[in-house]
Amino acid sequence: MRGDYQHLVDEISAALGAPATLEDRDFVLIAFGAHGGEDDLDVMMDPVRTRSILQRRSTAAVRAWFEAFGIARAQAPLRIPPDPAAGVFKGRICLPVRHRGVVHGYVWLLDDEQLAGLDLSVPYADPRLAQAMETAARIGELLAAEARAGAELGELLREVLAGRPAGRDAAAAALREAMGQAADGPLGLVAVAPWALGEGEHGEGEPSAPDGVGSALAGQSGVAALCTVPDPLPDGSAALAALVRLRTTTTIAPARTAAERLLRSPRAGAGAARRGTAGLGAPRRGLAELPEAWREALAAARAAAAEPRLGPVAEWGDIGPYRVLASLPAGAAADTSVRPLLAPAHAELARTAEVFLDCAGQAGRTAAALGIHRQTLYYRLARVEQLTGLDLDEGEGRLLLHMALKASRL
């Protein structure tokens, strides 16, 4: 299907005599057309187009500028002026890519001398524009079909990961049939959390494919299926699950690539006080262990949020004690003896205790890591003991305090 998009974009480029770029509705690049005119060098030097081609995505400022002109609601081509402040140094003509009233993407053309005489005031009066819009409609039909197929796979994946036990076997069988041979090969599972739910993704009615992570990402990153899971996190936030085809069970690189691209979506971390993070479950062969892989991926995503050094993309095998802590019910590790230390007023003391325990109780290393004098460290540790009633010279006291401090991050 990638070749179909490229062919259609080339048709638009040929019809209008100008290079065209196709992006999905989240401004992820799908295809771009070259044009053999004299202005090719100037076109390729346009920073927005170049960035879109090289990074396969436009910046938030560029997106905001274009969306301010109502492109998501437009039924006909639009002219958009330049805005150097947003990095848009050349004007654009936008052809909305729609199917049955729904926008699925945009075709962009630089509004230079070649298109200066193109009249957009009377839609399709120019036969070149009429031909281009007819081709854009064919693109919209393809994108809609791909979105429907992706939504069906996503529904099956969601049922396998978070559905009722009675329905999981049937969903796994249907997913296996839809994926073909890939279902029995090496697979990786990605969790992105938190994830802002879109219309139809709250578990009611007909769910839609997750906006902004559809056809372009799936074609480029080996993503076999995507779904949103409404409330898998302790605070009730939603997460996104991505099932990724791997080359072997010993390398998870394709899943990491997919996670990094998903984190660039505006819905990763949207509405949350923290940024989005991603977790990777251990690779599996086949679909049988996907629910366990999903728990691992969620735990890794939570660990990446709790411990910045682990993220923004963390693997299950690298998160250490968080493998245990993430499996505990929310608040279970907040032992009564440690709760006074977790109060905001004692944040500095809690940080001191955590670094001390991370450094295996070595005072010299701890003082150096915190940039304080040893006597200051000893004073703070004494205050920690007073607040908690724990003896930091005893292993069990240290273990309880260490695990409680780590758990509080989750």
Protein backbone atom coordinates (compact mmCIF):
# COMPACT_ATOMS: atom_id res chain seq x y z
CA MET A 1 0.00 0.00 0.00
CA ARG A 2 2.97 2.33 0.47
CA GLY A 3 3.57 2.17 -3.27
CA ASP A 4 -0.07 3.11 -3.95
CA TYR A 5 0.32 6.33 -1.97
CA GLN A 6 3.55 7.19 -3.73
CA HIS A 7 1.96 6.62 -7.14
CA LEU A 8 -1.01 8.85 -6.31
CA VAL A 9 1.18 11.63 -4.91
CA ASP A 10 3.23 11.51 -8.11
CA GLU A 11 -0.03 11.90 -10.05
CA ILE A 12 -0.82 15.10 -8.15
CA SER A 13 2.73 16.41 -8.71
CA ALA A 14 2.40 15.75 -12.45
CA ALA A 15 -1.09 17.32 -12.68
CA LEU A 16 -0.09 20.56 -10.99
CA GLY A 17 3.52 20.70 -12.13
CA ALA A 18 4.80 21.04 -8.57
CA PRO A 19 6.20 18.67 -5.92
CA ALA A 20 3.56 17.37 -3.50
CA THR A 21 3.86 15.96 0.00
CA LEU A 22 1.30 13.68 1.66
CA GLU A 23 0.93 13.63 5.45
CA ASP A 24 -1.66 11.94 7.64
CA ARG A 25 -3.90 14.01 9.90
CA ASP A 26 -1.24 14.01 12.62
CA PHE A 27 1.30 15.47 10.17
CA VAL A 28 3.27 12.24 9.85
CA LEU A 29 4.84 11.92 6.40
CA ILE A 30 3.43 9.17 4.18
CA ALA A 31 4.87 10.00 0.74
CA PHE A 32 6.38 12.87 -1.21
CA GLY A 33 6.62 13.51 -4.92
CA ALA A 34 9.57 14.94 -6.83
CA HIS A 35 9.21 17.30 -9.77
CA GLY A 36 11.85 17.75 -12.38
CA GLY A 37 11.57 21.50 -12.72
CA GLU A 38 14.23 24.17 -12.43
CA ASP A 39 13.14 25.11 -8.92
CA ASP A 40 13.83 21.69 -7.40
CA LEU A 41 16.81 22.95 -5.38
CA ASP A 42 14.79 25.81 -3.88
CA VAL A 43 11.97 23.42 -3.06
CA MET A 44 14.23 20.94 -1.29
CA MET A 45 15.83 23.78 0.67
CA ASP A 46 12.43 24.77 2.13
CA PRO A 47 13.01 23.95 5.82
CA VAL A 48 9.49 22.71 6.58
CA ARG A 49 9.41 20.32 3.63
CA THR A 50 12.98 19.17 4.27
CA ARG A 51 12.27 18.52 7.96
CA SER A 52 9.09 16.64 7.10
CA ILE A 53 10.97 14.40 4.67
CA LEU A 54 14.02 13.78 6.87
CA GLN A 55 12.25 13.48 10.24
CA ARG A 56 8.92 12.23 8.82
CA ARG A 57 7.00 14.74 10.95
CA SER A 58 6.33 18.47 11.14
CA THR A 59 6.97 20.49 14.31
CA ALA A 60 4.22 21.52 16.73
CA ALA A 61 4.59 25.18 15.69
CA VAL A 62 4.13 24.32 12.02
CA ARG A 63 1.13 22.16 12.80
CA ALA A 64 -0.49 24.89 14.92
CA TRP A 65 -0.02 27.47 12.15
CA PHE A 66 -1.62 25.29 9.50
CA GLU A 67 -4.48 24.07 11.70
CA ALA A 68 -5.36 27.66 12.59
CA PHE A 69 -6.65 28.03 9.00
CA GLY A 70 -9.24 25.29 9.49
CA ILE A 71 -7.63 22.59 7.39
CA ALA A 72 -9.26 19.84 9.46
CA ARG A 73 -12.71 21.16 8.45
CA ALA A 74 -11.91 22.28 4.92
CA GLN A 75 -13.86 20.72 2.05
CA ALA A 76 -11.85 22.46 -0.68
CA PRO A 77 -8.22 23.51 -1.29
CA LEU A 78 -6.83 26.30 0.90
CA ARG A 79 -4.05 28.85 0.48
CA ILE A 80 -1.98 29.35 3.63
CA PRO A 81 0.46 32.28 3.90
CA PRO A 82 4.00 31.93 5.25
CA ASP A 83 4.85 32.50 8.91
CA PRO A 84 8.60 32.83 9.53
CA ALA A 85 8.00 32.79 13.31
CA ALA A 86 6.68 29.23 13.00
CA GLY A 87 9.42 28.26 10.55
CA VAL A 88 7.07 28.41 7.54
CA PHE A 89 9.06 30.53 5.09
CA LYS A 90 6.96 29.72 2.03
CA GLY A 91 3.21 29.68 1.59
CA ARG A 92 1.35 26.44 0.98
CA ILE A 93 -1.63 25.12 -0.89
CA CYS A 94 -3.38 22.44 1.12
CA LEU A 95 -5.54 19.79 -0.51
CA PRO A 96 -7.59 18.12 2.24
CA VAL A 97 -7.68 14.34 1.90
CA ARG A 98 -11.17 13.26 2.91
CA HIS A 99 -13.42 10.23 2.71
CA ARG A 100 -17.12 10.33 3.56
CA GLY A 101 -16.73 13.66 5.30
CA VAL A 102 -13.77 12.64 7.48
CA VAL A 103 -10.32 14.15 6.98
CA HIS A 104 -7.59 11.50 6.85
CA GLY A 105 -4.63 13.62 5.75
CA TYR A 106 -3.33 16.52 3.69
CA VAL A 107 -1.52 17.00 0.40
CA TRP A 108 0.83 19.99 0.54
CA LEU A 109 2.25 22.03 -2.34
CA LEU A 110 4.58 25.01 -2.13
CA ASP A 111 2.68 28.10 -3.27
CA ASP A 112 5.42 29.44 -5.54
CA GLU A 113 5.47 30.93 -9.03
CA GLN A 114 4.33 27.69 -10.67
CA LEU A 115 1.04 27.76 -8.80
CA ALA A 116 0.56 31.51 -8.47
CA GLY A 117 -2.16 31.50 -11.14
CA LEU A 118 -4.10 28.60 -9.66
CA ASP A 119 -7.58 29.88 -8.84
CA LEU A 120 -8.94 28.38 -5.62
CA SER A 121 -11.95 30.70 -5.34
CA VAL A 122 -14.12 28.52 -7.58
CA PRO A 123 -13.43 24.92 -6.54
CA TYR A 124 -12.32 22.67 -9.35
CA ALA A 125 -12.79 25.33 -12.06
CA ASP A 126 -9.20 24.67 -13.08
CA PRO A 127 -9.05 21.17 -14.64
CA ARG A 128 -5.59 20.62 -13.10
CA LEU A 129 -6.99 21.25 -9.64
CA ALA A 130 -10.03 19.07 -10.33
CA GLN A 131 -7.75 16.20 -11.32
CA ALA A 132 -5.59 16.69 -8.22
CA MET A 133 -8.63 16.68 -5.92
CA GLU A 134 -9.97 13.54 -7.59
CA THR A 135 -6.64 11.87 -6.85
CA ALA A 136 -6.74 13.18 -3.26
CA ALA A 137 -10.15 11.54 -2.86
CA ARG A 138 -8.66 8.22 -3.96
CA ILE A 139 -5.93 8.67 -1.35
CA GLY A 140 -8.62 9.35 1.26
CA GLU A 141 -10.39 6.12 0.36
CA LEU A 142 -7.17 4.15 0.81
CA LEU A 143 -6.38 5.82 4.14
CA ALA A 144 -9.92 5.17 5.38
CA ALA A 145 -9.69 1.50 4.44
CA GLU A 146 -6.33 1.22 6.18
CA ALA A 147 -7.75 2.93 9.28
CA ARG A 148 -10.68 0.50 9.38
CA ALA A 149 -8.37 -2.49 9.09
CA GLY A 150 -6.10 -1.05 11.78
CA ALA A 151 -9.07 -0.42 14.09
CA GLU A 152 -10.21 -4.03 13.74
CA LEU A 153 -6.75 -5.34 14.60
CA GLY A 154 -6.56 -2.89 17.47
CA GLU A 155 -9.85 -4.13 18.89
CA LEU A 156 -8.57 -7.69 18.85
CA LEU A 157 -5.30 -6.68 20.49
CA ARG A 158 -7.17 -4.77 23.21
CA GLU A 159 -9.33 -7.81 23.91
CA VAL A 160 -6.23 -10.03 24.19
CA LEU A 161 -4.49 -7.62 26.56
CA ALA A 162 -7.30 -6.33 28.74
CA GLY A 163 -10.51 -8.13 27.86
CA ARG A 164 -12.48 -10.60 29.94
CA PRO A 165 -10.70 -13.96 30.31
CA ALA A 166 -13.56 -15.76 28.58
CA GLY A 167 -13.07 -13.77 25.38
CA ARG A 168 -9.29 -13.68 25.18
CA ASP A 169 -8.80 -17.03 23.45
CA ALA A 170 -11.26 -16.15 20.68
CA ALA A 171 -9.66 -12.72 20.22
CA ALA A 172 -6.18 -14.26 20.07
CA ALA A 173 -7.37 -16.75 17.43
CA ALA A 174 -8.88 -13.96 15.33
CA LEU A 175 -5.75 -11.83 15.71
CA ARG A 176 -3.57 -14.78 14.70
CA GLU A 177 -5.69 -15.31 11.57
CA ALA A 178 -5.55 -11.62 10.65
CA MET A 179 -1.76 -11.38 11.12
CA GLY A 180 -0.93 -14.58 9.26
CA GLN A 181 2.57 -15.98 9.66
CA ALA A 182 3.71 -12.89 11.59
CA ALA A 183 1.55 -14.01 14.52
CA ASP A 184 3.86 -16.95 15.20
CA GLY A 185 7.09 -14.99 14.82
CA PRO A 186 9.07 -12.80 17.22
CA LEU A 187 6.95 -9.98 18.64
CA GLY A 188 7.51 -7.03 20.94
CA LEU A 189 4.95 -5.06 22.91
CA VAL A 190 5.22 -1.32 23.57
CA ALA A 191 3.28 0.66 26.19
CA VAL A 192 3.10 4.45 25.95
CA ALA A 193 1.70 6.12 29.06
CA PRO A 194 -0.17 8.22 29.66
CA TRP A 195 -2.04 8.47 26.35
CA ALA A 196 -4.88 10.90 25.64
CA LEU A 197 -7.98 9.08 24.45
CA GLY A 198 -9.74 10.31 21.32
CA GLU A 199 -13.37 10.11 20.31
CA GLY A 200 -14.59 6.52 20.35
CA GLU A 201 -11.68 5.22 22.44
CA HIS A 202 -13.38 5.12 25.85
CA GLY A 203 -14.65 1.58 25.52
CA GLU A 204 -18.11 2.59 24.30
CA GLY A 205 -19.53 2.41 20.79
CA GLU A 206 -17.34 1.85 17.76
CA PRO A 207 -13.72 2.61 18.66
CA SER A 208 -11.56 4.43 16.18
CA ALA A 209 -7.93 3.82 15.38
CA PRO A 210 -5.65 5.91 17.62
CA ASP A 211 -5.21 9.25 15.87
CA GLY A 212 -1.72 10.16 14.81
CA VAL A 213 -0.26 6.68 15.03
CA GLY A 214 -1.96 5.06 12.09
CA SER A 215 -0.95 4.17 8.57
CA ALA A 216 2.37 5.97 8.28
CA LEU A 217 3.85 4.59 11.50
CA ALA A 218 2.50 1.10 10.91
CA GLY A 219 4.10 0.97 7.49
CA GLN A 220 7.46 2.27 8.62
CA SER A 221 8.06 0.65 12.02
CA GLY A 222 6.77 -2.90 11.71
CA VAL A 223 3.77 -2.13 13.90
CA ALA A 224 1.27 -4.95 13.45
CA ALA A 225 -1.53 -3.55 15.64
CA LEU A 226 -2.30 -0.55 17.85
CA CYS A 227 -4.92 -0.01 20.52
CA THR A 228 -5.70 2.22 23.44
CA VAL A 229 -6.32 0.67 26.86
CA PRO A 230 -8.54 3.06 28.86
CA ASP A 231 -7.41 2.62 32.51
CA PRO A 232 -4.40 0.35 33.13
CA LEU A 233 -2.50 2.84 35.31
CA PRO A 234 -2.98 3.34 39.07
CA ASP A 235 -4.31 6.88 38.54
CA GLY A 236 -6.83 5.72 35.92
CA SER A 237 -4.91 7.13 32.95
CA ALA A 238 -5.05 5.45 29.56
CA ALA A 239 -2.12 3.87 27.73
CA LEU A 240 -1.37 2.95 24.15
CA ALA A 241 -0.30 -0.57 23.19
CA ALA A 242 1.68 -1.31 20.03
CA LEU A 243 2.40 -4.83 18.83
CA VAL A 244 5.62 -4.79 16.81
CA ARG A 245 7.10 -7.43 14.52
CA LEU A 246 10.71 -8.25 15.46
CA ARG A 247 13.46 -9.95 13.48
CA THR A 248 14.51 -12.20 16.38
CA THR A 249 13.66 -12.62 20.05
CA THR A 250 17.14 -11.38 20.97
CA THR A 251 16.80 -7.86 19.54
CA ILE A 252 14.06 -5.42 20.41
CA ALA A 253 15.36 -2.52 18.31
CA PRO A 254 12.27 -2.24 16.05
CA ALA A 255 10.05 -1.91 19.14
CA ARG A 256 12.29 0.83 20.53
CA THR A 257 12.11 2.69 17.21
CA ALA A 258 8.33 2.46 17.24
CA ALA A 259 8.23 3.67 20.87
CA GLU A 260 10.38 6.70 20.09
CA ARG A 261 8.10 7.67 17.21
CA LEU A 262 4.97 7.17 19.26
CA LEU A 263 6.34 9.45 21.98
CA ARG A 264 6.49 12.26 19.43
CA SER A 265 2.71 12.15 19.09
CA PRO A 266 0.90 15.09 20.75
CA ARG A 267 -1.27 12.51 22.53
CA ALA A 268 1.67 11.01 24.44
CA GLY A 269 1.41 12.51 27.91
CA ALA A 270 -1.40 14.87 26.83
CA GLY A 271 -3.45 16.11 29.76
CA ALA A 272 -0.95 14.76 32.30
CA ALA A 273 1.34 16.64 34.65
CA ARG A 274 4.27 14.60 33.37
CA ARG A 275 5.62 13.79 29.94
CA GLY A 276 4.77 10.56 28.23
CA THR A 277 7.08 7.58 28.67
CA ALA A 278 7.30 4.22 26.94
CA GLY A 279 8.03 0.72 28.15
CA LEU A 280 9.08 -2.41 26.26
CA GLY A 281 8.09 -5.88 27.41
CA ALA A 282 10.49 -8.78 26.90
CA PRO A 283 10.27 -10.20 23.34
CA ARG A 284 7.95 -13.13 22.82
CA ARG A 285 7.38 -15.66 20.07
CA GLY A 286 3.71 -15.85 19.17
CA LEU A 287 0.65 -14.41 20.89
CA ALA A 288 0.25 -16.72 23.89
CA GLU A 289 2.18 -14.55 26.38
CA LEU A 290 1.02 -11.12 25.24
CA PRO A 291 -0.89 -10.32 28.48
CA GLU A 292 2.30 -10.91 30.49
CA ALA A 293 4.33 -8.87 28.00
CA TRP A 294 1.78 -6.05 28.38
CA ARG A 295 2.21 -6.05 32.17
CA GLU A 296 5.98 -5.85 31.65
CA ALA A 297 5.68 -3.00 29.17
CA LEU A 298 3.39 -1.01 31.48
CA ALA A 299 5.75 -1.55 34.40
CA ALA A 300 8.69 -0.34 32.32
CA ALA A 301 6.75 2.77 31.22
CA ARG A 302 5.89 3.56 34.84
CA ALA A 303 9.52 3.04 35.87
CA ALA A 304 10.68 5.41 33.14
CA ALA A 305 8.35 8.05 34.53
CA ALA A 306 9.48 7.43 38.11
CA GLU A 307 13.20 7.33 37.35
CA PRO A 308 14.20 9.72 34.52
CA ARG A 309 17.56 8.00 34.05
CA LEU A 310 15.68 4.93 32.80
CA GLY A 311 13.65 6.74 30.13
CA PRO A 312 11.98 8.02 28.16
CA VAL A 313 11.96 4.47 26.74
CA ALA A 314 12.69 1.71 29.27
CA GLU A 315 13.01 -2.04 28.79
CA TRP A 316 11.58 -4.53 31.28
CA GLY A 317 14.97 -6.14 31.84
CA ASP A 318 16.58 -2.82 32.80
CA ILE A 319 14.24 -1.46 35.48
CA GLY A 320 15.63 -3.44 38.45
CA PRO A 321 13.51 -3.21 41.63
CA TYR A 322 10.66 -1.58 39.74
CA ARG A 323 9.88 -5.03 38.30
CA VAL A 324 8.69 -5.97 41.79
CA LEU A 325 7.27 -2.63 42.87
CA ALA A 326 5.12 -2.14 39.78
CA SER A 327 3.25 -5.37 40.55
CA LEU A 328 2.11 -4.09 43.97
CA PRO A 329 -1.30 -2.43 44.43
CA ALA A 330 -1.17 1.36 44.51
CA GLY A 331 -0.06 2.57 47.95
CA ALA A 332 0.73 -0.92 49.23
CA ALA A 333 4.41 -0.12 49.84
CA ALA A 334 3.72 3.13 51.75
CA ASP A 335 4.55 1.60 55.14
CA THR A 336 3.30 3.62 58.10
CA SER A 337 6.84 4.12 59.40
CA VAL A 338 7.92 5.77 56.15
CA ARG A 339 4.87 7.95 55.51
CA PRO A 340 6.13 10.94 57.59
CA LEU A 341 9.28 11.06 55.44
CA LEU A 342 7.19 11.17 52.26
CA ALA A 343 5.52 14.46 53.23
CA PRO A 344 6.44 17.34 50.85
CA ALA A 345 8.09 19.22 53.73
CA HIS A 346 10.70 16.46 54.02
CA ALA A 347 11.49 16.04 50.32
CA GLU A 348 15.16 16.91 50.86
CA LEU A 349 15.52 14.33 53.62
CA ALA A 350 13.80 11.68 51.47
CA ARG A 351 16.13 12.43 48.58
CA THR A 352 19.14 12.19 50.90
CA ALA A 353 18.00 8.82 52.22
CA GLU A 354 17.38 7.47 48.73
CA VAL A 355 20.80 8.51 47.43
CA PHE A 356 22.44 7.08 50.57
CA LEU A 357 20.76 3.72 49.96
CA ASP A 358 21.48 3.85 46.22
CA CYS A 359 25.15 4.26 47.17
CA ALA A 360 25.00 1.11 49.33
CA GLY A 361 25.25 3.14 52.51
CA GLN A 362 28.68 4.60 51.66
CA ALA A 363 28.86 8.04 53.25
CA GLY A 364 31.68 9.36 51.07
CA ARG A 365 29.94 8.48 47.79
CA THR A 366 26.63 9.85 49.08
CA ALA A 367 28.08 13.18 50.19
CA ALA A 368 29.84 13.58 46.85
CA ALA A 369 26.69 12.72 44.89
CA LEU A 370 24.64 15.26 46.86
CA GLY A 371 27.39 17.89 46.97
CA ILE A 372 27.22 18.22 50.76
CA HIS A 373 29.61 17.82 53.71
CA ARG A 374 29.68 14.48 55.52
CA GLN A 375 28.52 16.09 58.76
CA THR A 376 25.50 17.48 56.92
CA LEU A 377 24.80 13.98 55.61
CA TYR A 378 25.03 12.45 59.09
CA TYR A 379 22.67 15.09 60.47
CA ARG A 380 20.10 14.42 57.75
CA LEU A 381 20.30 10.63 58.20
CA ALA A 382 19.75 11.08 61.93
CA ARG A 383 16.61 13.12 61.14
CA VAL A 384 15.44 10.32 58.81
CA GLU A 385 15.80 7.80 61.63
CA GLN A 386 13.87 10.09 63.99
CA LEU A 387 11.00 10.51 61.53
CA THR A 388 10.72 6.85 60.56
CA GLY A 389 11.83 5.02 63.68
CA LEU A 390 14.04 2.84 61.46
CA ASP A 391 17.64 1.92 62.27
CA LEU A 392 19.71 2.52 59.12
CA ASP A 393 22.48 0.32 60.52
CA GLU A 394 20.17 -2.69 60.11
CA GLY A 395 19.62 -4.38 56.75
CA GLU A 396 15.87 -4.86 57.14
CA GLY A 397 15.36 -1.20 58.03
CA ARG A 398 17.38 -0.13 55.01
CA LEU A 399 15.46 -2.50 52.73
CA LEU A 400 12.06 -1.29 53.92
CA LEU A 401 13.03 2.36 53.53
CA HIS A 402 14.66 1.86 50.13
CA MET A 403 11.71 0.00 48.64
CA ALA A 404 9.20 2.46 50.10
CA LEU A 405 11.07 5.42 48.61
CA LYS A 406 11.24 3.77 45.19
CA ALA A 407 7.58 2.78 45.36
CA SER A 408 6.56 6.34 46.17
CA ARG A 409 7.84 7.39 42.75
CA LEU A 410 5.32 5.12 41.09
